[in-house]
PDB file of all heavy atoms in Angstrom:
ATOM      1  N   ASP A   1       0.837  -1.196  -0.008  1.00  0.00           N
ATOM      2  CA  ASP A   1      -0.031  -0.019   0.015  1.00  0.00           C
ATOM      3  C   ASP A   1       0.899   1.270   0.041  1.00  0.00           C
ATOM      4  O   ASP A   1       0.591   2.234  -0.707  1.00  0.00           O
ATOM      5  CB  ASP A   1      -0.894   0.004   1.219  1.00  0.00           C
ATOM      6  CG  ASP A   1      -2.004  -1.036   1.267  1.00  0.00           C
ATOM      7  OD1 ASP A   1      -2.304  -1.543   0.105  1.00  0.00           O
ATOM      8  OD2 ASP A   1      -2.557  -1.373   2.224  1.00  0.00           O
ATOM      9  N   ALA A   2       1.906   1.226   0.793  1.00  0.00           N
ATOM     10  CA  ALA A   2       2.795   2.401   0.898  1.00  0.00           C
ATOM     11  C   ALA A   2       3.475   2.718  -0.400  1.00  0.00           C
ATOM     12  O   ALA A   2       3.492   3.907  -0.830  1.00  0.00           O
ATOM     13  CB  ALA A   2       3.899   2.201   2.010  1.00  0.00           C
ATOM     14  N   VAL A   3       3.970   1.679  -1.130  1.00  0.00           N
ATOM     15  CA  VAL A   3       4.580   1.915  -2.364  1.00  0.00           C
ATOM     16  C   VAL A   3       3.514   2.438  -3.398  1.00  0.00           C
ATOM     17  O   VAL A   3       3.846   3.341  -4.202  1.00  0.00           O
ATOM     18  CB  VAL A   3       5.229   0.555  -2.893  1.00  0.00           C
ATOM     19  CG1 VAL A   3       5.694   0.695  -4.323  1.00  0.00           C
ATOM     20  CG2 VAL A   3       6.396   0.211  -1.978  1.00  0.00           C
ATOM     21  N   CYS A   4       2.353   1.893  -3.386  1.00  0.00           N
ATOM     22  CA  CYS A   4       1.295   2.281  -4.342  1.00  0.00           C
ATOM     23  C   CYS A   4       0.972   3.719  -4.158  1.00  0.00           C
ATOM     24  O   CYS A   4       0.875   4.539  -5.078  1.00  0.00           O
ATOM     25  CB  CYS A   4       0.100   1.406  -4.186  1.00  0.00           C
ATOM     26  SG  CYS A   4      -1.197   1.736  -5.265  1.00  0.00           S
ATOM     27  N   LEU A   5       0.862   4.180  -2.838  1.00  0.00           N
ATOM     28  CA  LEU A   5       0.540   5.565  -2.527  1.00  0.00           C
ATOM     29  C   LEU A   5       1.680   6.464  -2.894  1.00  0.00           C
ATOM     30  O   LEU A   5       1.516   7.605  -3.382  1.00  0.00           O
ATOM     31  CB  LEU A   5       0.168   5.720  -1.073  1.00  0.00           C
ATOM     32  CG  LEU A   5      -1.219   5.161  -0.626  1.00  0.00           C
ATOM     33  CD1 LEU A   5      -1.368   5.064   0.880  1.00  0.00           C
ATOM     34  CD2 LEU A   5      -2.321   6.031  -1.244  1.00  0.00           C
ATOM     35  N   ALA A   6       2.861   6.042  -2.544  1.00  0.00           N
ATOM     36  CA  ALA A   6       4.067   6.822  -2.864  1.00  0.00           C
ATOM     37  C   ALA A   6       4.158   7.121  -4.367  1.00  0.00           C
ATOM     38  O   ALA A   6       4.571   8.276  -4.798  1.00  0.00           O
ATOM     39  CB  ALA A   6       5.324   6.125  -2.348  1.00  0.00           C
ATOM     40  N   ASN A   7       3.846   6.149  -5.186  1.00  0.00           N
ATOM     41  CA  ASN A   7       3.981   6.307  -6.608  1.00  0.00           C
ATOM     42  C   ASN A   7       2.651   6.900  -7.269  1.00  0.00           C
ATOM     43  O   ASN A   7       2.730   7.114  -8.509  1.00  0.00           O
ATOM     44  CB  ASN A   7       4.238   4.930  -7.304  1.00  0.00           C
ATOM     45  CG  ASN A   7       5.657   4.439  -6.915  1.00  0.00           C
ATOM     46  OD1 ASN A   7       6.549   5.215  -6.556  1.00  0.00           O
ATOM     47  ND2 ASN A   7       5.887   3.188  -7.037  1.00  0.00           N
ATOM     48  N   ALA A   8       1.626   7.119  -6.508  1.00  0.00           N
ATOM     49  CA  ALA A   8       0.387   7.626  -7.046  1.00  0.00           C
ATOM     50  C   ALA A   8       0.470   9.174  -7.239  1.00  0.00           C
ATOM     51  O   ALA A   8      -0.355   9.903  -6.616  1.00  0.00           O
ATOM     52  CB  ALA A   8      -0.770   7.225  -6.115  1.00  0.00           C
ATOM     53  N   THR A   9       1.395   9.575  -7.996  1.00  0.00           N
ATOM     54  CA  THR A   9       1.656  11.068  -8.208  1.00  0.00           C
ATOM     55  C   THR A   9       2.293  11.277  -9.548  1.00  0.00           C
ATOM     56  O   THR A   9       3.126  10.353 -10.011  1.00  0.00           O
ATOM     57  CB  THR A   9       2.579  11.645  -7.083  1.00  0.00           C
ATOM     58  OG1 THR A   9       2.871  13.012  -7.350  1.00  0.00           O
ATOM     59  CG2 THR A   9       3.859  10.881  -6.914  1.00  0.00           C
ATOM     60  N   PRO A  10       2.065  12.285 -10.291  1.00  0.00           N
ATOM     61  CA  PRO A  10       2.731  12.617 -11.485  1.00  0.00           C
ATOM     62  C   PRO A  10       4.245  12.978 -11.303  1.00  0.00           C
ATOM     63  O   PRO A  10       5.005  13.068 -12.202  1.00  0.00           O
ATOM     64  CB  PRO A  10       1.974  13.733 -12.172  1.00  0.00           C
ATOM     65  CG  PRO A  10       1.277  14.395 -11.021  1.00  0.00           C
ATOM     66  CD  PRO A  10       1.039  13.333 -10.044  1.00  0.00           C
ATOM     67  N   PHE A  11       4.635  13.319 -10.012  1.00  0.00           N
ATOM     68  CA  PHE A  11       5.957  13.669  -9.673  1.00  0.00           C
ATOM     69  C   PHE A  11       6.805  12.523  -9.288  1.00  0.00           C
ATOM     70  O   PHE A  11       6.328  11.479  -8.917  1.00  0.00           O
ATOM     71  CB  PHE A  11       5.932  14.748  -8.588  1.00  0.00           C
ATOM     72  CG  PHE A  11       5.148  15.999  -8.914  1.00  0.00           C
ATOM     73  CD1 PHE A  11       3.822  16.178  -8.354  1.00  0.00           C
ATOM     74  CD2 PHE A  11       5.648  16.956  -9.710  1.00  0.00           C
ATOM     75  CE1 PHE A  11       3.086  17.284  -8.684  1.00  0.00           C
ATOM     76  CE2 PHE A  11       4.900  18.039 -10.079  1.00  0.00           C
ATOM     77  CZ  PHE A  11       3.643  18.270  -9.509  1.00  0.00           C
ATOM     78  N   GLY A  12       8.156  12.736  -9.366  1.00  0.00           N
ATOM     79  CA  GLY A  12       9.145  11.711  -9.011  1.00  0.00           C
ATOM     80  C   GLY A  12      10.433  12.314  -8.626  1.00  0.00           C
ATOM     81  O   GLY A  12      11.498  11.898  -9.185  1.00  0.00           O
ATOM     82  N   LEU A  13      10.449  13.299  -7.697  1.00  0.00           N
ATOM     83  CA  LEU A  13      11.635  13.931  -7.338  1.00  0.00           C
ATOM     84  C   LEU A  13      12.455  13.142  -6.241  1.00  0.00           C
ATOM     85  O   LEU A  13      13.515  12.642  -6.397  1.00  0.00           O
ATOM     86  CB  LEU A  13      11.458  15.314  -6.920  1.00  0.00           C
ATOM     87  CG  LEU A  13      12.705  16.254  -6.808  1.00  0.00           C
ATOM     88  CD1 LEU A  13      13.539  16.251  -8.097  1.00  0.00           C
ATOM     89  CD2 LEU A  13      12.326  17.698  -6.463  1.00  0.00           C
ATOM     90  N   GLY A  14      11.854  13.048  -5.075  1.00  0.00           N
ATOM     91  CA  GLY A  14      12.487  12.338  -3.928  1.00  0.00           C
ATOM     92  C   GLY A  14      11.460  11.643  -3.088  1.00  0.00           C
ATOM     93  O   GLY A  14      10.206  11.783  -3.271  1.00  0.00           O
ATOM     94  N   ALA A  15      11.929  10.809  -2.153  1.00  0.00           N
ATOM     95  CA  ALA A  15      11.117  10.140  -1.171  1.00  0.00           C
ATOM     96  C   ALA A  15      12.013   9.780   0.008  1.00  0.00           C
ATOM     97  O   ALA A  15      13.190   9.578  -0.101  1.00  0.00           O
ATOM     98  CB  ALA A  15      10.537   8.953  -1.747  1.00  0.00           C
ATOM     99  N   SER A  16      11.356   9.821   1.158  1.00  0.00           N
ATOM    100  CA  SER A  16      12.046   9.379   2.412  1.00  0.00           C
ATOM    101  C   SER A  16      11.282   8.182   3.061  1.00  0.00           C
ATOM    102  O   SER A  16      10.059   8.254   3.136  1.00  0.00           O
ATOM    103  CB  SER A  16      12.350  10.565   3.303  1.00  0.00           C
ATOM    104  OG  SER A  16      11.117  11.108   3.781  1.00  0.00           O
ATOM    105  N   LEU A  17      12.075   7.254   3.605  1.00  0.00           N
ATOM    106  CA  LEU A  17      11.486   6.106   4.268  1.00  0.00           C
ATOM    107  C   LEU A  17      12.072   6.061   5.695  1.00  0.00           C
ATOM    108  O   LEU A  17      13.258   6.307   5.947  1.00  0.00           O
ATOM    109  CB  LEU A  17      11.965   4.809   3.631  1.00  0.00           C
ATOM    110  CG  LEU A  17      11.386   4.494   2.178  1.00  0.00           C
ATOM    111  CD1 LEU A  17      12.055   3.352   1.629  1.00  0.00           C
ATOM    112  CD2 LEU A  17       9.903   4.281   2.281  1.00  0.00           C
ATOM    113  N   TRP A  18      11.170   5.789   6.685  1.00  0.00           N
ATOM    114  CA  TRP A  18      11.534   5.759   8.073  1.00  0.00           C
ATOM    115  C   TRP A  18      11.176   4.359   8.659  1.00  0.00           C
ATOM    116  O   TRP A  18      10.060   3.988   8.707  1.00  0.00           O
ATOM    117  CB  TRP A  18      10.878   6.925   8.799  1.00  0.00           C
ATOM    118  CG  TRP A  18      11.267   8.213   8.142  1.00  0.00           C
ATOM    119  CD1 TRP A  18      10.798   8.759   7.065  1.00  0.00           C
ATOM    120  CD2 TRP A  18      12.230   9.150   8.731  1.00  0.00           C
ATOM    121  NE1 TRP A  18      11.411  10.048   6.811  1.00  0.00           N
ATOM    122  CE2 TRP A  18      12.249  10.208   7.859  1.00  0.00           C
ATOM    123  CE3 TRP A  18      12.963   9.152   9.845  1.00  0.00           C
ATOM    124  CZ2 TRP A  18      13.136  11.323   8.064  1.00  0.00           C
ATOM    125  CZ3 TRP A  18      13.907  10.213  10.137  1.00  0.00           C
ATOM    126  CH2 TRP A  18      13.848  11.299   9.168  1.00  0.00           C
ATOM    127  N   THR A  19      12.284   3.703   9.078  1.00  0.00           N
ATOM    128  CA  THR A  19      12.132   2.338   9.570  1.00  0.00           C
ATOM    129  C   THR A  19      13.408   1.885  10.368  1.00  0.00           C
ATOM    130  O   THR A  19      14.485   2.468  10.101  1.00  0.00           O
ATOM    131  CB  THR A  19      11.885   1.355   8.482  1.00  0.00           C
ATOM    132  OG1 THR A  19      11.818   0.014   8.956  1.00  0.00           O
ATOM    133  CG2 THR A  19      12.962   1.461   7.419  1.00  0.00           C
ATOM    134  N   ARG A  20      13.231   0.957  11.201  1.00  0.00           N
ATOM    135  CA  ARG A  20      14.435   0.332  11.849  1.00  0.00           C
ATOM    136  C   ARG A  20      15.112  -0.725  11.043  1.00  0.00           C
ATOM    137  O   ARG A  20      16.181  -1.123  11.299  1.00  0.00           O
ATOM    138  CB  ARG A  20      14.061  -0.211  13.298  1.00  0.00           C
ATOM    139  CG  ARG A  20      13.725   0.786  14.267  1.00  0.00           C
ATOM    140  CD  ARG A  20      13.405   0.188  15.583  1.00  0.00           C
ATOM    141  NE  ARG A  20      13.291   1.075  16.718  1.00  0.00           N
ATOM    142  CZ  ARG A  20      12.138   1.673  17.166  1.00  0.00           C
ATOM    143  NH1 ARG A  20      11.046   1.378  16.483  1.00  0.00           N
ATOM    144  NH2 ARG A  20      12.129   2.499  18.173  1.00  0.00           N
ATOM    145  N   ASP A  21      14.353  -1.320  10.029  1.00  0.00           N
ATOM    146  CA  ASP A  21      14.723  -2.436   9.253  1.00  0.00           C
ATOM    147  C   ASP A  21      15.386  -1.864   7.953  1.00  0.00           C
ATOM    148  O   ASP A  21      14.679  -1.623   6.929  1.00  0.00           O
ATOM    149  CB  ASP A  21      13.594  -3.286   8.894  1.00  0.00           C
ATOM    150  CG  ASP A  21      14.067  -4.622   8.258  1.00  0.00           C
ATOM    151  OD1 ASP A  21      15.085  -4.632   7.669  1.00  0.00           O
ATOM    152  OD2 ASP A  21      13.187  -5.572   8.364  1.00  0.00           O
ATOM    153  N   LEU A  22      16.705  -1.792   7.849  1.00  0.00           N
ATOM    154  CA  LEU A  22      17.397  -1.217   6.750  1.00  0.00           C
ATOM    155  C   LEU A  22      17.317  -2.086   5.481  1.00  0.00           C
ATOM    156  O   LEU A  22      17.223  -1.569   4.419  1.00  0.00           O
ATOM    157  CB  LEU A  22      18.860  -0.887   7.139  1.00  0.00           C
ATOM    158  CG  LEU A  22      19.005   0.061   8.335  1.00  0.00           C
ATOM    159  CD1 LEU A  22      20.452   0.431   8.494  1.00  0.00           C
ATOM    160  CD2 LEU A  22      18.223   1.376   8.200  1.00  0.00           C
ATOM    161  N   ASP A  23      17.367  -3.391   5.653  1.00  0.00           N
ATOM    162  CA  ASP A  23      17.226  -4.290   4.538  1.00  0.00           C
ATOM    163  C   ASP A  23      15.818  -4.033   3.907  1.00  0.00           C
ATOM    164  O   ASP A  23      15.650  -4.031   2.633  1.00  0.00           O
ATOM    165  CB  ASP A  23      17.438  -5.681   4.923  1.00  0.00           C
ATOM    166  CG  ASP A  23      18.876  -5.996   5.291  1.00  0.00           C
ATOM    167  OD1 ASP A  23      19.742  -5.290   4.827  1.00  0.00           O
ATOM    168  OD2 ASP A  23      19.057  -6.951   6.121  1.00  0.00           O
ATOM    169  N   ARG A  24      14.810  -4.028   4.711  1.00  0.00           N
ATOM    170  CA  ARG A  24      13.449  -3.759   4.202  1.00  0.00           C
ATOM    171  C   ARG A  24      13.387  -2.396   3.475  1.00  0.00           C
ATOM    172  O   ARG A  24      12.826  -2.368   2.314  1.00  0.00           O
ATOM    173  CB  ARG A  24      12.537  -3.712   5.387  1.00  0.00           C
ATOM    174  CG  ARG A  24      11.014  -3.517   5.150  1.00  0.00           C
ATOM    175  CD  ARG A  24      10.295  -3.418   6.450  1.00  0.00           C
ATOM    176  NE  ARG A  24       8.849  -3.261   6.320  1.00  0.00           N
ATOM    177  CZ  ARG A  24       8.104  -2.990   7.290  1.00  0.00           C
ATOM    178  NH1 ARG A  24       8.598  -2.746   8.553  1.00  0.00           N
ATOM    179  NH2 ARG A  24       6.806  -2.808   7.193  1.00  0.00           N
ATOM    180  N   ALA A  25      13.989  -1.359   4.051  1.00  0.00           N
ATOM    181  CA  ALA A  25      13.997  -0.060   3.409  1.00  0.00           C
ATOM    182  C   ALA A  25      14.655  -0.105   2.039  1.00  0.00           C
ATOM    183  O   ALA A  25      14.213   0.522   1.091  1.00  0.00           O
ATOM    184  CB  ALA A  25      14.709   0.943   4.263  1.00  0.00           C
ATOM    185  N   GLU A  26      15.827  -0.797   2.005  1.00  0.00           N
ATOM    186  CA  GLU A  26      16.575  -0.837   0.736  1.00  0.00           C
ATOM    187  C   GLU A  26      15.794  -1.571  -0.354  1.00  0.00           C
ATOM    188  O   GLU A  26      15.746  -1.067  -1.581  1.00  0.00           O
ATOM    189  CB  GLU A  26      17.881  -1.585   0.903  1.00  0.00           C
ATOM    190  CG  GLU A  26      18.802  -1.474  -0.286  1.00  0.00           C
ATOM    191  CD  GLU A  26      20.221  -1.997   0.083  1.00  0.00           C
ATOM    192  OE1 GLU A  26      20.591  -2.113   1.255  1.00  0.00           O
ATOM    193  OE2 GLU A  26      20.935  -2.263  -0.923  1.00  0.00           O
TER     194      GLU A  26
END
């Protein structure tokens, strides 16, 4: 869901992810 919402925009400049699991974030 998070990825779908993040990409649900005509823009694509930057994004930030906040998590303790760095492998998951990558």
